[in-house]
Each structure stands twice: as structure tokens, then as C-alpha cells.
């Protein structure tokens, strides 16, 4: 995620350029993605929908397998690039403007959890659990990965006062794959 704001005129030019099949610069891609996501955040807030952001997947690392099988076929890894600076700008823009919807942040990199939890705390005002740390997924979708995520989430957020079947409970936070596990909330 690389936050880079642009105005509507810039977005229109970028869109027209891509429709003409002209290659975009990284700056143009960042502007377009930022403005598209900001617009979607406004829609989510207006509709009272929960936004889910899946962060830090590093896609298509094995070129021979990409050429053989195509994109997103199991040759992805976790990303360790800076995250919270751009995410903070995006969340702040939403909160300062149209409003921030209830949001679940998932990161493939467990090293992101502490900084995401600290950032989430900046937006927990009138709605308990407005921002939540999503369950461990992919490489973290293990007993240890889920325990680590839940422990950090419990230590740094509003997990304690939440109860199952309340408007603020999202069962996916407990576990993303419950096969064979006797974990509270997994049926």
C-alpha cells in the first residue's frame, strides 16, 4: 500500500491513459489506487458496510511457475515493506472526511500486528471494535498463528468486552479455519 493522493482530474487522466492501453507510472498507479480506495471507503461508510483490508501479501514470486500456471497459484509470500504510514494517511483521510466504516485489518506478516493494533487504537472512539485485527491467514492460519493474533488483539484492543452475537463481534476474528478444532465460537 502506497498512499498518494490526487484530484479527480488526475484520476480521469490516469483512467483515460490506461483505457488507451498506455503503461502507467508507479506514481499514477498509486494515485489511482489511493483515490479508488478512498471512494470505496466512503461508499462502505454510507452503506454501513464493514471494510476488510488484506495487507502484505507479496504475489507471484516464482516467474517460471507464474508463466506455467498464471497469477496467484500458490507462489506468494509475505511482504515486509513499510505499512502504517500509508495506512494511517488513508484512515485519517476517511475519518476526517466522509467517515471511517467498521474495518477489519488482516496482515499476512505477523510482525505488523503491534503497529496495526496501535494505529487501530487511534480510531476507537464511539463504536466499540470499530477497527479490529483480522485472524491470522495463510502462513499464520495455524494454532500458533491464531494464538499469537488473539493474544496480541486481546492485550491491545477491545476484545475483552466483546461477546459473541453482539453487533461488534465478527467470528472470523476467532479463527479463519476451524476444521478439527474445539475453539470457542467455531461451530
C-alpha atoms as a PDB file:
ATOM      1  CA  UNK A   1       0.000   0.000   0.000  1.00  0.00           C
ATOM      2  CA  UNK A   2       1.410   3.331  -1.016  1.00  0.00           C
ATOM      3  CA  UNK A   3      -0.800   6.321  -0.224  1.00  0.00           C
ATOM      4  CA  UNK A   4      -0.588   9.056  -2.826  1.00  0.00           C
ATOM      5  CA  UNK A   5      -3.494  11.469  -3.102  1.00  0.00           C
ATOM      6  CA  UNK A   6      -4.646  13.007  -6.362  1.00  0.00           C
ATOM      7  CA  UNK A   7      -7.523  15.120  -7.569  1.00  0.00           C
ATOM      8  CA  UNK A   8     -10.423  13.998  -9.770  1.00  0.00           C
ATOM      9  CA  UNK A   9      -8.798  15.495 -12.877  1.00  0.00           C
ATOM     10  CA  UNK A  10      -5.647  13.432 -12.344  1.00  0.00           C
ATOM     11  CA  UNK A  11      -7.719  10.271 -11.806  1.00  0.00           C
ATOM     12  CA  UNK A  12      -9.658  10.887 -15.040  1.00  0.00           C
ATOM     13  CA  UNK A  13      -6.405  11.349 -16.975  1.00  0.00           C
ATOM     14  CA  UNK A  14      -4.933   8.175 -15.486  1.00  0.00           C
ATOM     15  CA  UNK A  15      -8.089   6.207 -16.308  1.00  0.00           C
ATOM     16  CA  UNK A  16      -8.148   7.514 -19.904  1.00  0.00           C
ATOM     17  CA  UNK A  17      -4.472   6.735 -20.311  1.00  0.00           C
ATOM     18  CA  UNK A  18      -4.961   3.129 -19.210  1.00  0.00           C
ATOM     19  CA  UNK A  19      -8.048   2.719 -21.393  1.00  0.00           C
ATOM     20  CA  UNK A  20      -5.821   3.734 -24.303  1.00  0.00           C
ATOM     21  CA  UNK A  21      -3.534   0.862 -23.207  1.00  0.00           C
ATOM     22  CA  UNK A  22      -0.705   3.203 -22.277  1.00  0.00           C
ATOM     23  CA  UNK A  23       1.545   1.949 -19.491  1.00  0.00           C
ATOM     24  CA  UNK A  24       1.110   3.785 -16.207  1.00  0.00           C
ATOM     25  CA  UNK A  25       3.912   5.005 -13.967  1.00  0.00           C
ATOM     26  CA  UNK A  26       4.111   3.757 -10.386  1.00  0.00           C
ATOM     27  CA  UNK A  27       3.049   7.227  -9.226  1.00  0.00           C
ATOM     28  CA  UNK A  28      -0.068   7.080 -11.419  1.00  0.00           C
ATOM     29  CA  UNK A  29      -0.901   3.589 -10.150  1.00  0.00           C
ATOM     30  CA  UNK A  30      -0.530   4.781  -6.550  1.00  0.00           C
ATOM     31  CA  UNK A  31      -2.750   7.824  -7.148  1.00  0.00           C
ATOM     32  CA  UNK A  32      -5.427   5.727  -8.836  1.00  0.00           C
ATOM     33  CA  UNK A  33      -5.408   3.053  -6.128  1.00  0.00           C
ATOM     34  CA  UNK A  34      -5.491   5.650  -3.333  1.00  0.00           C
ATOM     35  CA  UNK A  35      -8.391   7.567  -4.858  1.00  0.00           C
ATOM     36  CA  UNK A  36     -10.339   4.410  -5.730  1.00  0.00           C
ATOM     37  CA  UNK A  37      -9.939   3.017  -2.218  1.00  0.00           C
ATOM     38  CA  UNK A  38     -10.853   6.378  -0.665  1.00  0.00           C
ATOM     39  CA  UNK A  39     -14.026   6.499  -2.762  1.00  0.00           C
ATOM     40  CA  UNK A  40     -14.913   2.916  -1.820  1.00  0.00           C
ATOM     41  CA  UNK A  41     -14.364   3.700   1.857  1.00  0.00           C
ATOM     42  CA  UNK A  42     -16.927   6.483   1.527  1.00  0.00           C
ATOM     43  CA  UNK A  43     -19.427   4.068  -0.038  1.00  0.00           C
ATOM     44  CA  UNK A  44     -18.817   1.487   2.696  1.00  0.00           C
ATOM     45  CA  UNK A  45     -19.410   4.083   5.394  1.00  0.00           C
ATOM     46  CA  UNK A  46     -22.581   5.379   3.721  1.00  0.00           C
ATOM     47  CA  UNK A  47     -23.974   1.835   3.406  1.00  0.00           C
ATOM     48  CA  UNK A  48     -22.825   0.860   6.924  1.00  0.00           C
ATOM     49  CA  UNK A  49     -20.762  -1.976   5.452  1.00  0.00           C
ATOM     50  CA  UNK A  50     -17.671  -3.443   7.094  1.00  0.00           C
ATOM     51  CA  UNK A  51     -14.465  -2.894   5.157  1.00  0.00           C
ATOM     52  CA  UNK A  52     -11.838  -5.639   5.156  1.00  0.00           C
ATOM     53  CA  UNK A  53      -8.283  -4.880   4.082  1.00  0.00           C
ATOM     54  CA  UNK A  54      -5.907  -7.782   3.455  1.00  0.00           C
ATOM     55  CA  UNK A  55      -2.369  -6.463   3.672  1.00  0.00           C
ATOM     56  CA  UNK A  56       1.161  -7.538   2.947  1.00  0.00           C
ATOM     57  CA  UNK A  57       0.839 -10.413   0.519  1.00  0.00           C
ATOM     58  CA  UNK A  58       3.726 -10.469  -1.940  1.00  0.00           C
ATOM     59  CA  UNK A  59       2.345 -12.019  -5.113  1.00  0.00           C
ATOM     60  CA  UNK A  60       3.724 -14.255  -7.859  1.00  0.00           C
ATOM     61  CA  UNK A  61       7.300 -14.730  -6.648  1.00  0.00           C
ATOM     62  CA  UNK A  62       8.207 -17.668  -8.910  1.00  0.00           C
ATOM     63  CA  UNK A  63       8.344 -16.490 -12.546  1.00  0.00           C
ATOM     64  CA  UNK A  64       8.573 -19.958 -14.164  1.00  0.00           C
ATOM     65  CA  UNK A  65       5.504 -21.132 -12.218  1.00  0.00           C
ATOM     66  CA  UNK A  66       3.701 -17.868 -12.943  1.00  0.00           C
ATOM     67  CA  UNK A  67       4.324 -18.424 -16.667  1.00  0.00           C
ATOM     68  CA  UNK A  68       3.175 -22.026 -16.394  1.00  0.00           C
ATOM     69  CA  UNK A  69       0.114 -21.677 -14.110  1.00  0.00           C
ATOM     70  CA  UNK A  70      -0.782 -17.981 -14.067  1.00  0.00           C
ATOM     71  CA  UNK A  71      -1.208 -15.496 -11.225  1.00  0.00           C
ATOM     72  CA  UNK A  72      -1.991 -16.293  -7.606  1.00  0.00           C
ATOM     73  CA  UNK A  73      -1.434 -20.041  -7.812  1.00  0.00           C
ATOM     74  CA  UNK A  74       0.472 -20.654  -4.612  1.00  0.00           C
ATOM     75  CA  UNK A  75       3.750 -18.856  -5.192  1.00  0.00           C
ATOM     76  CA  UNK A  76       3.011 -15.904  -2.963  1.00  0.00           C
ATOM     77  CA  UNK A  77       4.840 -14.843   0.170  1.00  0.00           C
ATOM     78  CA  UNK A  78       4.629 -12.289   2.901  1.00  0.00           C
ATOM     79  CA  UNK A  79       5.678  -8.703   2.430  1.00  0.00           C
ATOM     80  CA  UNK A  80       7.806  -6.730   4.880  1.00  0.00           C
ATOM     81  CA  UNK A  81       7.594  -3.249   3.345  1.00  0.00           C
ATOM     82  CA  UNK A  82       6.533  -0.266   5.497  1.00  0.00           C
ATOM     83  CA  UNK A  83       2.784  -0.248   6.101  1.00  0.00           C
ATOM     84  CA  UNK A  84       1.449   2.034   8.816  1.00  0.00           C
ATOM     85  CA  UNK A  85       2.467   5.383   7.299  1.00  0.00           C
ATOM     86  CA  UNK A  86       0.312   4.976   4.205  1.00  0.00           C
ATOM     87  CA  UNK A  87      -2.454   3.174   6.077  1.00  0.00           C
ATOM     88  CA  UNK A  88      -2.561   5.965   8.662  1.00  0.00           C
ATOM     89  CA  UNK A  89      -2.966   8.576   5.924  1.00  0.00           C
ATOM     90  CA  UNK A  90      -5.783   6.585   4.322  1.00  0.00           C
ATOM     91  CA  UNK A  91      -7.673   6.029   7.582  1.00  0.00           C
ATOM     92  CA  UNK A  92      -7.184   9.637   8.677  1.00  0.00           C
ATOM     93  CA  UNK A  93      -8.482  10.945   5.353  1.00  0.00           C
ATOM     94  CA  UNK A  94     -11.604   8.790   5.701  1.00  0.00           C
ATOM     95  CA  UNK A  95     -12.178   9.750   9.341  1.00  0.00           C
ATOM     96  CA  UNK A  96     -11.659  13.445   8.554  1.00  0.00           C
ATOM     97  CA  UNK A  97     -13.979  13.319   5.557  1.00  0.00           C
ATOM     98  CA  UNK A  98     -16.890  11.009   4.898  1.00  0.00           C
ATOM     99  CA  UNK A  99     -16.206   8.822   7.943  1.00  0.00           C
ATOM    100  CA  UNK A 100     -14.446   5.555   8.535  1.00  0.00           C
ATOM    101  CA  UNK A 101     -16.558   2.398   8.320  1.00  0.00           C
ATOM    102  CA  UNK A 102     -16.166  -0.511  10.683  1.00  0.00           C
ATOM    103  CA  UNK A 103     -12.919  -2.070   9.475  1.00  0.00           C
ATOM    104  CA  UNK A 104     -11.079  -5.366   9.834  1.00  0.00           C
ATOM    105  CA  UNK A 105      -7.353  -5.294   9.092  1.00  0.00           C
ATOM    106  CA  UNK A 106      -5.652  -8.555   8.138  1.00  0.00           C
ATOM    107  CA  UNK A 107      -1.902  -8.745   7.625  1.00  0.00           C
ATOM    108  CA  UNK A 108      -0.059 -11.709   6.278  1.00  0.00           C
ATOM    109  CA  UNK A 109       3.007 -10.517   8.180  1.00  0.00           C
ATOM    110  CA  UNK A 110       2.596 -11.140  11.933  1.00  0.00           C
ATOM    111  CA  UNK A 111       5.294  -8.543  12.619  1.00  0.00           C
ATOM    112  CA  UNK A 112       2.692  -5.934  11.584  1.00  0.00           C
ATOM    113  CA  UNK A 113       0.286  -6.794  14.404  1.00  0.00           C
ATOM    114  CA  UNK A 114       1.678  -4.465  17.113  1.00  0.00           C
ATOM    115  CA  UNK A 115       1.820  -1.406  14.829  1.00  0.00           C
ATOM    116  CA  UNK A 116      -1.623  -2.161  13.356  1.00  0.00           C
ATOM    117  CA  UNK A 117      -3.095  -2.511  16.843  1.00  0.00           C
ATOM    118  CA  UNK A 118      -1.579   0.811  17.909  1.00  0.00           C
ATOM    119  CA  UNK A 119      -2.934   2.500  14.772  1.00  0.00           C
ATOM    120  CA  UNK A 120      -6.373   0.926  15.280  1.00  0.00           C
ATOM    121  CA  UNK A 121      -6.471   2.434  18.762  1.00  0.00           C
ATOM    122  CA  UNK A 122      -6.363   5.910  17.225  1.00  0.00           C
ATOM    123  CA  UNK A 123      -9.839   5.365  15.722  1.00  0.00           C
ATOM    124  CA  UNK A 124     -11.698   3.557  18.516  1.00  0.00           C
ATOM    125  CA  UNK A 125     -13.976   6.329  19.712  1.00  0.00           C
ATOM    126  CA  UNK A 126     -17.737   5.893  19.828  1.00  0.00           C
ATOM    127  CA  UNK A 127     -18.099   2.396  18.375  1.00  0.00           C
ATOM    128  CA  UNK A 128     -16.500  -0.463  20.337  1.00  0.00           C
ATOM    129  CA  UNK A 129     -14.497  -2.656  17.994  1.00  0.00           C
ATOM    130  CA  UNK A 130     -14.775  -0.194  15.098  1.00  0.00           C
ATOM    131  CA  UNK A 131     -11.375  -1.371  13.896  1.00  0.00           C
ATOM    132  CA  UNK A 132     -10.420  -4.987  14.503  1.00  0.00           C
ATOM    133  CA  UNK A 133      -7.373  -7.109  13.818  1.00  0.00           C
ATOM    134  CA  UNK A 134      -8.368  -9.907  11.484  1.00  0.00           C
ATOM    135  CA  UNK A 135      -7.426 -13.502  12.089  1.00  0.00           C
ATOM    136  CA  UNK A 136      -4.133 -14.994  11.059  1.00  0.00           C
ATOM    137  CA  UNK A 137      -4.379 -16.214   7.447  1.00  0.00           C
ATOM    138  CA  UNK A 138      -2.275 -18.228   5.036  1.00  0.00           C
ATOM    139  CA  UNK A 139       1.038 -18.792   6.823  1.00  0.00           C
ATOM    140  CA  UNK A 140      -0.480 -17.661  10.126  1.00  0.00           C
ATOM    141  CA  UNK A 141      -3.562 -19.878   9.839  1.00  0.00           C
ATOM    142  CA  UNK A 142      -2.114 -22.317  12.342  1.00  0.00           C
ATOM    143  CA  UNK A 143      -2.746 -22.999  16.001  1.00  0.00           C
ATOM    144  CA  UNK A 144       0.283 -20.908  16.995  1.00  0.00           C
ATOM    145  CA  UNK A 145      -0.517 -18.132  14.498  1.00  0.00           C
ATOM    146  CA  UNK A 146      -4.102 -17.813  15.729  1.00  0.00           C
ATOM    147  CA  UNK A 147      -2.980 -17.848  19.362  1.00  0.00           C
ATOM    148  CA  UNK A 148      -0.442 -15.107  18.674  1.00  0.00           C
ATOM    149  CA  UNK A 149      -3.026 -12.969  16.871  1.00  0.00           C
ATOM    150  CA  UNK A 150      -5.659 -13.439  19.577  1.00  0.00           C
ATOM    151  CA  UNK A 151      -3.197 -12.754  22.394  1.00  0.00           C
ATOM    152  CA  UNK A 152      -1.978  -9.520  20.830  1.00  0.00           C
ATOM    153  CA  UNK A 153      -5.523  -8.487  19.945  1.00  0.00           C
ATOM    154  CA  UNK A 154      -6.737  -9.184  23.488  1.00  0.00           C
ATOM    155  CA  UNK A 155      -3.811  -7.323  25.034  1.00  0.00           C
ATOM    156  CA  UNK A 156      -4.197  -4.251  22.820  1.00  0.00           C
ATOM    157  CA  UNK A 157      -7.848  -3.808  21.934  1.00  0.00           C
ATOM    158  CA  UNK A 158     -11.450  -4.170  22.926  1.00  0.00           C
ATOM    159  CA  UNK A 159     -11.660  -7.968  22.668  1.00  0.00           C
ATOM    160  CA  UNK A 160     -12.349  -8.415  26.376  1.00  0.00           C
ATOM    161  CA  UNK A 161     -15.746  -6.614  26.487  1.00  0.00           C
ATOM    162  CA  UNK A 162     -16.969  -8.171  23.253  1.00  0.00           C
ATOM    163  CA  UNK A 163     -19.438 -11.028  23.426  1.00  0.00           C
ATOM    164  CA  UNK A 164     -20.412 -13.455  20.694  1.00  0.00           C
ATOM    165  CA  UNK A 165     -23.640 -12.477  18.911  1.00  0.00           C
ATOM    166  CA  UNK A 166     -23.284  -8.751  19.616  1.00  0.00           C
ATOM    167  CA  UNK A 167     -23.180  -6.236  16.763  1.00  0.00           C
ATOM    168  CA  UNK A 168     -19.441  -5.829  17.285  1.00  0.00           C
ATOM    169  CA  UNK A 169     -18.440  -9.493  17.169  1.00  0.00           C
ATOM    170  CA  UNK A 170     -17.059 -10.951  13.978  1.00  0.00           C
ATOM    171  CA  UNK A 171     -16.478 -14.683  14.361  1.00  0.00           C
ATOM    172  CA  UNK A 172     -13.735 -14.592  11.726  1.00  0.00           C
ATOM    173  CA  UNK A 173     -11.559 -12.855  14.289  1.00  0.00           C
ATOM    174  CA  UNK A 174     -11.530 -16.004  16.375  1.00  0.00           C
ATOM    175  CA  UNK A 175     -10.339 -18.334  13.672  1.00  0.00           C
ATOM    176  CA  UNK A 176     -10.354 -18.479   9.924  1.00  0.00           C
ATOM    177  CA  UNK A 177     -10.293 -22.244   9.702  1.00  0.00           C
ATOM    178  CA  UNK A 178     -11.862 -24.286  12.463  1.00  0.00           C
ATOM    179  CA  UNK A 179     -11.605 -27.749  10.957  1.00  0.00           C
ATOM    180  CA  UNK A 180     -10.920 -30.200  13.722  1.00  0.00           C
ATOM    181  CA  UNK A 181     -10.532 -27.523  16.383  1.00  0.00           C
ATOM    182  CA  UNK A 182     -12.564 -27.170  19.540  1.00  0.00           C
ATOM    183  CA  UNK A 183     -12.297 -23.390  19.757  1.00  0.00           C
ATOM    184  CA  UNK A 184     -14.934 -21.142  21.318  1.00  0.00           C
ATOM    185  CA  UNK A 185     -17.086 -19.633  18.605  1.00  0.00           C
ATOM    186  CA  UNK A 186     -16.257 -22.246  15.981  1.00  0.00           C
ATOM    187  CA  UNK A 187     -19.132 -24.496  15.165  1.00  0.00           C
END
